[in-house]
Amino acid sequence: MAHIPVLLPEVLLGLTPKAGDIFLDATINGAGVSSAVSHELGASGTLIGIDLDREALALAKERLKDAPCKVILVEANFADIASVLQKQGIPKINTCFFDLGLSSNQLEHSNRGFSFQKDEPLLMTFAVEGSGRTAADIVNSATEQELVEILWKFGEERMARRIARAVVEARGGERILTSKQLAEIVEKVVPRRGKIHPATKTFQALRIAVNDEFNNLEKGLEGAVESLKQGGRIAVISFHSSEDRIVKHFFRKQTEEGKGIIITKKPIAPRREEMVANPRSRSSKLRIFEKTI
């Protein structure tokens, strides 16, 4: 399934990529946005795509094989933007883009337990291979209080204590190793409200914890601002309030320090037509910042 970018017209309008620009896609996924931007950059432009997910990079490579601009793809964490650009011999960039959501491919085909609708190994790691803890490690070894804190801090889950207690009780019988196991545990203790699955926030919280997403986002934003040319812009699409809050506060801090201006006084939300055509877009928010020094 091809990755469908959200808020694409708004991103292009906000970033205004031009021929000869150097554009950095910090979360290239399936290259939905990058594919569109590449045509604006032209033969004299450069597109750098970063992703921890090797499978996403392979999809991006295929989609960008006929791109008119120079394309550089790097398997890396966007927290390391500055070092990635340094290794590529690129001192400054004109524009930078972050899409903080999961791609359709990661949800449907990664086999890493991102979706509560599938029975997959409970990994939730962006990197296809690598060391470090998995979601299974957390749910099977964290204390009940640690689970409560993870669910509340990263998922804003109001039923955090009830879910944490259920997880601890369930793992006393057998280790929780698949996404289906975890989803069923949550479903038993959290009532369904509307169309939203009871395990949505639990899966979100664990994914964020596994990949240290909040800390990496702050580092990535700092690296992006440092790497921007004067007049360069950053666009960030977030999908839940905690991420949006980090972006909002970061951009505000940059303006208070005199480094730039916020282009979007309020976050841009998708139009109704887009939400109907692509339900994944419904919670998305776009914020844009311009560096002025």
C-alpha atoms as a PDB file:
ATOM      1  CA  MET A   1       0.000   0.000   0.000  1.00  0.00           C
ATOM      2  CA  ALA A   2       1.373   3.410  -0.973  1.00  0.00           C
ATOM      3  CA  HIS A   3       1.878   5.845   1.881  1.00  0.00           C
ATOM      4  CA  ILE A   4      -0.725   8.625   1.671  1.00  0.00           C
ATOM      5  CA  PRO A   5       0.720  11.917   2.927  1.00  0.00           C
ATOM      6  CA  VAL A   6      -1.581  14.115   4.995  1.00  0.00           C
ATOM      7  CA  LEU A   7      -1.941  17.887   4.575  1.00  0.00           C
ATOM      8  CA  LEU A   8       0.238  17.734   1.447  1.00  0.00           C
ATOM      9  CA  PRO A   9      -0.999  20.966  -0.233  1.00  0.00           C
ATOM     10  CA  GLU A  10      -0.622  22.824   3.054  1.00  0.00           C
ATOM     11  CA  VAL A  11       2.920  21.494   3.573  1.00  0.00           C
ATOM     12  CA  LEU A  12       3.991  22.505   0.055  1.00  0.00           C
ATOM     13  CA  LEU A  13       2.447  25.943   0.445  1.00  0.00           C
ATOM     14  CA  GLY A  14       4.042  26.433   3.852  1.00  0.00           C
ATOM     15  CA  LEU A  15       7.534  25.262   2.910  1.00  0.00           C
ATOM     16  CA  THR A  16       7.524  26.785  -0.589  1.00  0.00           C
ATOM     17  CA  PRO A  17      10.367  24.565  -1.925  1.00  0.00           C
ATOM     18  CA  LYS A  18      12.132  26.085  -4.948  1.00  0.00           C
ATOM     19  CA  ALA A  19      14.457  24.924  -7.706  1.00  0.00           C
ATOM     20  CA  GLY A  20      17.956  24.348  -6.354  1.00  0.00           C
ATOM     21  CA  ASP A  21      16.883  24.064  -2.713  1.00  0.00           C
ATOM     22  CA  ILE A  22      18.211  21.466  -0.271  1.00  0.00           C
ATOM     23  CA  PHE A  23      15.250  19.717   1.358  1.00  0.00           C
ATOM     24  CA  LEU A  24      15.468  17.358   4.319  1.00  0.00           C
ATOM     25  CA  ASP A  25      12.691  14.847   4.970  1.00  0.00           C
ATOM     26  CA  ALA A  26      13.408  13.744   8.524  1.00  0.00           C
ATOM     27  CA  THR A  27      10.767  10.974   8.438  1.00  0.00           C
ATOM     28  CA  ILE A  28      10.668   9.936   4.814  1.00  0.00           C
ATOM     29  CA  ASN A  29       8.408   6.883   5.261  1.00  0.00           C
ATOM     30  CA  GLY A  30       7.056   6.053   1.796  1.00  0.00           C
ATOM     31  CA  ALA A  31       8.250   9.391   0.339  1.00  0.00           C
ATOM     32  CA  GLY A  32       4.756  10.765  -0.232  1.00  0.00           C
ATOM     33  CA  VAL A  33       5.776  14.343   0.577  1.00  0.00           C
ATOM     34  CA  SER A  34       9.299  13.961  -0.795  1.00  0.00           C
ATOM     35  CA  SER A  35       7.995  12.769  -4.153  1.00  0.00           C
ATOM     36  CA  ALA A  36       5.950  15.942  -4.516  1.00  0.00           C
ATOM     37  CA  VAL A  37       8.782  18.182  -3.266  1.00  0.00           C
ATOM     38  CA  SER A  38      11.329  16.599  -5.636  1.00  0.00           C
ATOM     39  CA  HIS A  39       9.528  18.075  -8.638  1.00  0.00           C
ATOM     40  CA  GLU A  40       9.830  21.555  -7.124  1.00  0.00           C
ATOM     41  CA  LEU A  41      13.554  21.121  -6.439  1.00  0.00           C
ATOM     42  CA  GLY A  42      14.405  20.249 -10.030  1.00  0.00           C
ATOM     43  CA  ALA A  43      17.716  19.010 -11.393  1.00  0.00           C
ATOM     44  CA  SER A  44      19.738  21.501  -9.339  1.00  0.00           C
ATOM     45  CA  GLY A  45      18.102  20.578  -6.036  1.00  0.00           C
ATOM     46  CA  THR A  46      18.957  17.995  -3.380  1.00  0.00           C
ATOM     47  CA  LEU A  47      16.611  15.824  -1.320  1.00  0.00           C
ATOM     48  CA  ILE A  48      17.892  14.085   1.809  1.00  0.00           C
ATOM     49  CA  GLY A  49      15.631  11.449   3.355  1.00  0.00           C
ATOM     50  CA  ILE A  50      16.156  10.022   6.840  1.00  0.00           C
ATOM     51  CA  ASP A  51      14.401   7.049   8.416  1.00  0.00           C
ATOM     52  CA  LEU A  52      15.204   4.423  11.036  1.00  0.00           C
ATOM     53  CA  ASP A  53      12.959   1.964   9.234  1.00  0.00           C
ATOM     54  CA  ARG A  54      14.972   0.146   6.548  1.00  0.00           C
ATOM     55  CA  GLU A  55      11.791  -1.071   4.888  1.00  0.00           C
ATOM     56  CA  ALA A  56      10.494   2.491   4.631  1.00  0.00           C
ATOM     57  CA  LEU A  57      13.760   3.566   3.001  1.00  0.00           C
ATOM     58  CA  ALA A  58      13.406   0.793   0.422  1.00  0.00           C
ATOM     59  CA  LEU A  59       9.920   2.039  -0.433  1.00  0.00           C
ATOM     60  CA  ALA A  60      11.207   5.609  -0.647  1.00  0.00           C
ATOM     61  CA  LYS A  61      14.049   4.560  -2.942  1.00  0.00           C
ATOM     62  CA  GLU A  62      11.602   2.914  -5.325  1.00  0.00           C
ATOM     63  CA  ARG A  63       9.236   5.875  -5.307  1.00  0.00           C
ATOM     64  CA  LEU A  64      12.031   8.381  -5.900  1.00  0.00           C
ATOM     65  CA  LYS A  65      13.926   6.415  -8.558  1.00  0.00           C
ATOM     66  CA  ASP A  66      12.838   8.857 -11.271  1.00  0.00           C
ATOM     67  CA  ALA A  67      13.034  12.011  -9.156  1.00  0.00           C
ATOM     68  CA  PRO A  68      14.474  14.964 -11.074  1.00  0.00           C
ATOM     69  CA  CYS A  69      16.684  16.079  -8.170  1.00  0.00           C
ATOM     70  CA  LYS A  70      19.647  14.503  -6.401  1.00  0.00           C
ATOM     71  CA  VAL A  71      18.409  12.017  -3.784  1.00  0.00           C
ATOM     72  CA  ILE A  72      20.312  10.924  -0.667  1.00  0.00           C
ATOM     73  CA  LEU A  73      18.718   8.327   1.622  1.00  0.00           C
ATOM     74  CA  VAL A  74      20.153   7.602   5.073  1.00  0.00           C
ATOM     75  CA  GLU A  75      19.195   4.991   7.669  1.00  0.00           C
ATOM     76  CA  ALA A  76      19.341   7.063  10.823  1.00  0.00           C
ATOM     77  CA  ASN A  77      17.395   8.546  13.718  1.00  0.00           C
ATOM     78  CA  PHE A  78      16.230  12.112  13.100  1.00  0.00           C
ATOM     79  CA  ALA A  79      17.685  12.975  16.490  1.00  0.00           C
ATOM     80  CA  ASP A  80      21.028  12.862  14.651  1.00  0.00           C
ATOM     81  CA  ILE A  81      20.138  15.312  11.859  1.00  0.00           C
ATOM     82  CA  ALA A  82      23.204  17.504  12.385  1.00  0.00           C
ATOM     83  CA  SER A  83      25.677  14.601  12.185  1.00  0.00           C
ATOM     84  CA  VAL A  84      23.872  13.068   9.180  1.00  0.00           C
ATOM     85  CA  LEU A  85      24.190  16.318   7.241  1.00  0.00           C
ATOM     86  CA  GLN A  86      27.811  16.743   8.316  1.00  0.00           C
ATOM     87  CA  LYS A  87      28.700  13.260   7.042  1.00  0.00           C
ATOM     88  CA  GLN A  88      27.045  14.086   3.722  1.00  0.00           C
ATOM     89  CA  GLY A  89      29.033  17.324   3.435  1.00  0.00           C
ATOM     90  CA  ILE A  90      25.907  19.480   3.589  1.00  0.00           C
ATOM     91  CA  PRO A  91      26.401  22.468   5.912  1.00  0.00           C
ATOM     92  CA  LYS A  92      22.932  24.036   5.602  1.00  0.00           C
ATOM     93  CA  ILE A  93      19.450  23.196   4.297  1.00  0.00           C
ATOM     94  CA  ASN A  94      16.564  25.334   3.020  1.00  0.00           C
ATOM     95  CA  THR A  95      13.631  23.314   4.321  1.00  0.00           C
ATOM     96  CA  CYS A  96      12.916  20.449   6.691  1.00  0.00           C
ATOM     97  CA  PHE A  97       9.847  18.278   7.204  1.00  0.00           C
ATOM     98  CA  PHE A  98       8.743  15.942  10.019  1.00  0.00           C
ATOM     99  CA  ASP A  99       5.733  13.604   9.792  1.00  0.00           C
ATOM    100  CA  LEU A 100       5.406  12.074  13.253  1.00  0.00           C
ATOM    101  CA  GLY A 101       2.771   9.500  12.359  1.00  0.00           C
ATOM    102  CA  LEU A 102       3.101   5.843  11.480  1.00  0.00           C
ATOM    103  CA  SER A 103       2.890   5.002   7.795  1.00  0.00           C
ATOM    104  CA  SER A 104       0.245   2.671   6.402  1.00  0.00           C
ATOM    105  CA  ASN A 105       2.998   0.182   5.608  1.00  0.00           C
ATOM    106  CA  GLN A 106       4.233   0.115   9.212  1.00  0.00           C
ATOM    107  CA  LEU A 107       0.717  -0.559  10.458  1.00  0.00           C
ATOM    108  CA  GLU A 108      -0.208  -3.125   7.835  1.00  0.00           C
ATOM    109  CA  HIS A 109       2.967  -4.926   6.817  1.00  0.00           C
ATOM    110  CA  SER A 110       5.832  -4.400   9.254  1.00  0.00           C
ATOM    111  CA  ASN A 111       5.140  -7.452  11.481  1.00  0.00           C
ATOM    112  CA  ARG A 112       6.428  -5.469  14.474  1.00  0.00           C
ATOM    113  CA  GLY A 113       3.250  -5.206  16.527  1.00  0.00           C
ATOM    114  CA  PHE A 114       2.264  -1.585  15.841  1.00  0.00           C
ATOM    115  CA  SER A 115      -1.364  -2.533  15.183  1.00  0.00           C
ATOM    116  CA  PHE A 116      -3.761  -3.907  17.776  1.00  0.00           C
ATOM    117  CA  GLN A 117      -5.792  -5.399  14.929  1.00  0.00           C
ATOM    118  CA  LYS A 118      -3.116  -7.975  14.079  1.00  0.00           C
ATOM    119  CA  ASP A 119      -1.379 -10.854  15.845  1.00  0.00           C
ATOM    120  CA  GLU A 120       2.300  -9.917  15.559  1.00  0.00           C
ATOM    121  CA  PRO A 121       5.432  -9.997  17.726  1.00  0.00           C
ATOM    122  CA  LEU A 122       5.161  -7.216  20.306  1.00  0.00           C
ATOM    123  CA  LEU A 123       8.213  -5.208  19.212  1.00  0.00           C
ATOM    124  CA  MET A 124       7.086  -1.696  18.169  1.00  0.00           C
ATOM    125  CA  THR A 125      10.606  -0.762  17.119  1.00  0.00           C
ATOM    126  CA  PHE A 126      11.111   1.601  14.191  1.00  0.00           C
ATOM    127  CA  ALA A 127      14.420  -0.022  13.366  1.00  0.00           C
ATOM    128  CA  VAL A 128      13.911  -3.345  11.582  1.00  0.00           C
ATOM    129  CA  GLU A 129      16.959  -4.745  13.326  1.00  0.00           C
ATOM    130  CA  GLY A 130      18.750  -3.490  16.367  1.00  0.00           C
ATOM    131  CA  SER A 131      19.345  -3.719  20.074  1.00  0.00           C
ATOM    132  CA  GLY A 132      17.359  -2.084  22.785  1.00  0.00           C
ATOM    133  CA  ARG A 133      14.115  -2.864  24.554  1.00  0.00           C
ATOM    134  CA  THR A 134      10.897  -3.839  22.867  1.00  0.00           C
ATOM    135  CA  ALA A 135       7.282  -3.342  23.877  1.00  0.00           C
ATOM    136  CA  ALA A 136       7.276  -6.950  25.113  1.00  0.00           C
ATOM    137  CA  ASP A 137      10.241  -6.160  27.356  1.00  0.00           C
ATOM    138  CA  ILE A 138       8.325  -3.278  28.912  1.00  0.00           C
ATOM    139  CA  VAL A 139       5.001  -5.043  29.510  1.00  0.00           C
ATOM    140  CA  ASN A 140       6.717  -8.103  30.968  1.00  0.00           C
ATOM    141  CA  SER A 141       9.273  -6.418  33.223  1.00  0.00           C
ATOM    142  CA  ALA A 142       8.095  -2.933  34.215  1.00  0.00           C
ATOM    143  CA  THR A 143       6.486  -2.553  37.621  1.00  0.00           C
ATOM    144  CA  GLU A 144       2.803  -1.717  37.811  1.00  0.00           C
ATOM    145  CA  GLN A 145       3.603   1.883  38.745  1.00  0.00           C
ATOM    146  CA  GLU A 146       6.090   2.204  35.876  1.00  0.00           C
ATOM    147  CA  LEU A 147       3.412   0.990  33.467  1.00  0.00           C
ATOM    148  CA  VAL A 148       0.960   3.532  34.859  1.00  0.00           C
ATOM    149  CA  GLU A 149       3.462   6.329  34.301  1.00  0.00           C
ATOM    150  CA  ILE A 150       4.226   5.194  30.722  1.00  0.00           C
ATOM    151  CA  LEU A 151       0.550   4.934  29.790  1.00  0.00           C
ATOM    152  CA  TRP A 152      -0.279   8.326  31.262  1.00  0.00           C
ATOM    153  CA  LYS A 153       2.796  10.272  30.153  1.00  0.00           C
ATOM    154  CA  PHE A 154       2.942   8.986  26.573  1.00  0.00           C
ATOM    155  CA  GLY A 155      -0.677   8.044  25.907  1.00  0.00           C
ATOM    156  CA  GLU A 156      -2.671  10.281  28.256  1.00  0.00           C
ATOM    157  CA  GLU A 157      -4.617   7.117  29.069  1.00  0.00           C
ATOM    158  CA  ARG A 158      -7.145   7.823  31.829  1.00  0.00           C
ATOM    159  CA  MET A 159      -7.513   4.105  32.539  1.00  0.00           C
ATOM    160  CA  ALA A 160      -3.752   3.712  33.008  1.00  0.00           C
ATOM    161  CA  ARG A 161      -3.952   2.216  36.500  1.00  0.00           C
ATOM    162  CA  ARG A 162      -6.628  -0.290  35.540  1.00  0.00           C
ATOM    163  CA  ILE A 163      -4.713  -1.370  32.417  1.00  0.00           C
ATOM    164  CA  ALA A 164      -1.385  -1.646  34.278  1.00  0.00           C
ATOM    165  CA  ARG A 165      -2.965  -3.855  36.936  1.00  0.00           C
ATOM    166  CA  ALA A 166      -4.515  -6.094  34.261  1.00  0.00           C
ATOM    167  CA  VAL A 167      -1.187  -6.430  32.442  1.00  0.00           C
ATOM    168  CA  VAL A 168       0.653  -7.406  35.635  1.00  0.00           C
ATOM    169  CA  GLU A 169      -2.015  -9.978  36.488  1.00  0.00           C
ATOM    170  CA  ALA A 170      -2.012 -11.434  32.964  1.00  0.00           C
ATOM    171  CA  ARG A 171       1.753 -11.796  32.732  1.00  0.00           C
ATOM    172  CA  GLY A 172       1.693 -13.776  35.962  1.00  0.00           C
ATOM    173  CA  GLY A 173       0.182 -16.600  33.949  1.00  0.00           C
ATOM    174  CA  GLU A 174       2.193 -16.269  30.729  1.00  0.00           C
ATOM    175  CA  ARG A 175       4.475 -13.753  29.087  1.00  0.00           C
ATOM    176  CA  ILE A 176       2.768 -11.211  26.851  1.00  0.00           C
ATOM    177  CA  LEU A 177       4.562 -11.545  23.519  1.00  0.00           C
ATOM    178  CA  THR A 178       2.096 -10.549  20.796  1.00  0.00           C
ATOM    179  CA  SER A 179       0.026  -7.518  19.893  1.00  0.00           C
ATOM    180  CA  LYS A 180      -3.158  -9.597  19.986  1.00  0.00           C
ATOM    181  CA  GLN A 181      -2.467 -10.736  23.565  1.00  0.00           C
ATOM    182  CA  LEU A 182      -1.996  -7.172  24.736  1.00  0.00           C
ATOM    183  CA  ALA A 183      -5.027  -5.841  22.867  1.00  0.00           C
ATOM    184  CA  GLU A 184      -7.256  -8.519  24.402  1.00  0.00           C
ATOM    185  CA  ILE A 185      -6.007  -7.716  27.915  1.00  0.00           C
ATOM    186  CA  VAL A 186      -6.853  -4.041  27.453  1.00  0.00           C
ATOM    187  CA  GLU A 187     -10.246  -4.781  25.874  1.00  0.00           C
ATOM    188  CA  LYS A 188     -11.288  -6.746  28.948  1.00  0.00           C
ATOM    189  CA  VAL A 189     -10.841  -3.795  31.302  1.00  0.00           C
ATOM    190  CA  VAL A 190     -11.496  -0.704  29.163  1.00  0.00           C
ATOM    191  CA  PRO A 191     -14.988  -0.125  27.750  1.00  0.00           C
ATOM    192  CA  ARG A 192     -15.231   0.656  24.034  1.00  0.00           C
ATOM    193  CA  ARG A 193     -16.357   4.196  23.242  1.00  0.00           C
ATOM    194  CA  GLY A 194     -17.483   4.783  19.693  1.00  0.00           C
ATOM    195  CA  LYS A 195     -15.182   3.640  16.912  1.00  0.00           C
ATOM    196  CA  ILE A 196     -11.930   4.122  18.824  1.00  0.00           C
ATOM    197  CA  HIS A 197     -10.361   0.830  19.929  1.00  0.00           C
ATOM    198  CA  PRO A 198      -9.785   0.616  23.726  1.00  0.00           C
ATOM    199  CA  ALA A 199      -6.096  -0.265  23.190  1.00  0.00           C
ATOM    200  CA  THR A 200      -5.316   2.753  20.963  1.00  0.00           C
ATOM    201  CA  LYS A 201      -3.650   4.868  23.648  1.00  0.00           C
ATOM    202  CA  THR A 202      -1.871   1.888  25.208  1.00  0.00           C
ATOM    203  CA  PHE A 203      -0.225   0.995  21.901  1.00  0.00           C
ATOM    204  CA  GLN A 204       0.645   4.633  21.277  1.00  0.00           C
ATOM    205  CA  ALA A 205       2.256   4.991  24.694  1.00  0.00           C
ATOM    206  CA  LEU A 206       4.348   1.841  24.379  1.00  0.00           C
ATOM    207  CA  ARG A 207       5.535   2.777  20.869  1.00  0.00           C
ATOM    208  CA  ILE A 208       6.631   6.209  22.092  1.00  0.00           C
ATOM    209  CA  ALA A 209       8.413   4.704  25.090  1.00  0.00           C
ATOM    210  CA  VAL A 210      10.189   2.015  23.043  1.00  0.00           C
ATOM    211  CA  ASN A 211      11.520   4.520  20.519  1.00  0.00           C
ATOM    212  CA  ASP A 212      12.138   7.380  22.997  1.00  0.00           C
ATOM    213  CA  GLU A 213      10.148   9.541  20.617  1.00  0.00           C
ATOM    214  CA  PHE A 214       9.688  12.661  22.738  1.00  0.00           C
ATOM    215  CA  ASN A 215      13.380  13.093  23.548  1.00  0.00           C
ATOM    216  CA  ASN A 216      14.350  12.320  19.952  1.00  0.00           C
ATOM    217  CA  LEU A 217      11.823  14.847  18.660  1.00  0.00           C
ATOM    218  CA  GLU A 218      13.347  17.643  20.734  1.00  0.00           C
ATOM    219  CA  LYS A 219      16.843  16.691  19.583  1.00  0.00           C
ATOM    220  CA  GLY A 220      15.662  16.478  15.982  1.00  0.00           C
ATOM    221  CA  LEU A 221      14.022  19.900  16.094  1.00  0.00           C
ATOM    222  CA  GLU A 222      17.159  21.414  17.621  1.00  0.00           C
ATOM    223  CA  GLY A 223      19.319  19.854  14.913  1.00  0.00           C
ATOM    224  CA  ALA A 224      16.955  21.053  12.200  1.00  0.00           C
ATOM    225  CA  VAL A 225      16.976  24.661  13.403  1.00  0.00           C
ATOM    226  CA  GLU A 226      20.766  24.646  13.662  1.00  0.00           C
ATOM    227  CA  SER A 227      20.996  23.297  10.110  1.00  0.00           C
ATOM    228  CA  LEU A 228      18.595  25.767   8.500  1.00  0.00           C
ATOM    229  CA  LYS A 229      19.781  28.639   6.361  1.00  0.00           C
ATOM    230  CA  GLN A 230      18.441  32.102   7.161  1.00  0.00           C
ATOM    231  CA  GLY A 231      14.889  32.199   5.850  1.00  0.00           C
ATOM    232  CA  GLY A 232      14.641  28.414   5.956  1.00  0.00           C
ATOM    233  CA  ARG A 233      11.517  26.699   7.241  1.00  0.00           C
ATOM    234  CA  ILE A 234      10.539  23.627   9.269  1.00  0.00           C
ATOM    235  CA  ALA A 235       7.132  21.970   8.935  1.00  0.00           C
ATOM    236  CA  VAL A 236       5.978  19.405  11.500  1.00  0.00           C
ATOM    237  CA  ILE A 237       2.860  17.243  11.382  1.00  0.00           C
ATOM    238  CA  SER A 238       1.899  15.685  14.710  1.00  0.00           C
ATOM    239  CA  PHE A 239      -0.933  13.276  15.480  1.00  0.00           C
ATOM    240  CA  HIS A 240      -1.594  13.641  19.173  1.00  0.00           C
ATOM    241  CA  SER A 241      -1.613  16.397  21.749  1.00  0.00           C
ATOM    242  CA  SER A 242       1.635  15.505  23.540  1.00  0.00           C
ATOM    243  CA  GLU A 243       3.688  15.701  20.335  1.00  0.00           C
ATOM    244  CA  ASP A 244       1.944  18.874  19.245  1.00  0.00           C
ATOM    245  CA  ARG A 245       2.660  20.435  22.624  1.00  0.00           C
ATOM    246  CA  ILE A 246       6.389  19.670  22.289  1.00  0.00           C
ATOM    247  CA  VAL A 247       6.485  21.261  18.825  1.00  0.00           C
ATOM    248  CA  LYS A 248       4.457  24.276  19.940  1.00  0.00           C
ATOM    249  CA  HIS A 249       6.687  24.965  22.961  1.00  0.00           C
ATOM    250  CA  PHE A 250       9.872  24.421  20.952  1.00  0.00           C
ATOM    251  CA  PHE A 251       8.857  26.883  18.245  1.00  0.00           C
ATOM    252  CA  ARG A 252       7.754  29.405  20.873  1.00  0.00           C
ATOM    253  CA  LYS A 253      11.121  29.120  22.623  1.00  0.00           C
ATOM    254  CA  GLN A 254      12.932  29.754  19.332  1.00  0.00           C
ATOM    255  CA  THR A 255      10.925  32.931  18.769  1.00  0.00           C
ATOM    256  CA  GLU A 256      11.566  34.126  22.334  1.00  0.00           C
ATOM    257  CA  GLU A 257      15.292  33.657  21.725  1.00  0.00           C
ATOM    258  CA  GLY A 258      15.028  35.743  18.559  1.00  0.00           C
ATOM    259  CA  LYS A 259      15.882  32.903  16.179  1.00  0.00           C
ATOM    260  CA  GLY A 260      12.771  33.039  14.042  1.00  0.00           C
ATOM    261  CA  ILE A 261       9.036  33.426  13.684  1.00  0.00           C
ATOM    262  CA  ILE A 262       6.077  31.063  13.855  1.00  0.00           C
ATOM    263  CA  ILE A 263       4.280  31.002  10.516  1.00  0.00           C
ATOM    264  CA  THR A 264       1.233  29.121  11.820  1.00  0.00           C
ATOM    265  CA  LYS A 265      -0.247  31.073  14.731  1.00  0.00           C
ATOM    266  CA  LYS A 266      -2.634  28.151  15.139  1.00  0.00           C
ATOM    267  CA  PRO A 267      -1.947  24.630  13.900  1.00  0.00           C
ATOM    268  CA  ILE A 268      -3.392  23.790  10.488  1.00  0.00           C
ATOM    269  CA  ALA A 269      -5.896  20.930  10.541  1.00  0.00           C
ATOM    270  CA  PRO A 270      -7.006  18.843   7.565  1.00  0.00           C
ATOM    271  CA  ARG A 271     -10.037  19.844   5.545  1.00  0.00           C
ATOM    272  CA  ARG A 272     -13.186  17.766   5.904  1.00  0.00           C
ATOM    273  CA  GLU A 273     -12.708  16.348   2.398  1.00  0.00           C
ATOM    274  CA  GLU A 274      -9.295  14.998   3.366  1.00  0.00           C
ATOM    275  CA  MET A 275     -10.553  13.441   6.597  1.00  0.00           C
ATOM    276  CA  VAL A 276     -13.277  11.620   4.676  1.00  0.00           C
ATOM    277  CA  ALA A 277     -10.844  10.416   1.993  1.00  0.00           C
ATOM    278  CA  ASN A 278      -8.080   9.556   4.485  1.00  0.00           C
ATOM    279  CA  PRO A 279      -9.356   8.903   8.045  1.00  0.00           C
ATOM    280  CA  ARG A 280      -5.720   8.675   9.232  1.00  0.00           C
ATOM    281  CA  SER A 281      -5.497  12.451   8.808  1.00  0.00           C
ATOM    282  CA  ARG A 282      -8.265  13.318  11.258  1.00  0.00           C
ATOM    283  CA  SER A 283      -6.028  14.035  14.270  1.00  0.00           C
ATOM    284  CA  SER A 284      -3.160  15.648  12.355  1.00  0.00           C
ATOM    285  CA  LYS A 285      -1.879  19.163  13.063  1.00  0.00           C
ATOM    286  CA  LEU A 286       0.653  21.116  11.043  1.00  0.00           C
ATOM    287  CA  ARG A 287       2.956  23.785  12.507  1.00  0.00           C
ATOM    288  CA  ILE A 288       5.550  25.767  10.546  1.00  0.00           C
ATOM    289  CA  PHE A 289       8.526  27.817  11.770  1.00  0.00           C
ATOM    290  CA  GLU A 290      10.875  30.118   9.838  1.00  0.00           C
ATOM    291  CA  LYS A 291      14.447  30.847  10.898  1.00  0.00           C
ATOM    292  CA  THR A 292      15.325  34.534  10.590  1.00  0.00           C
ATOM    293  CA  ILE A 293      18.962  34.729  11.717  1.00  0.00           C
END
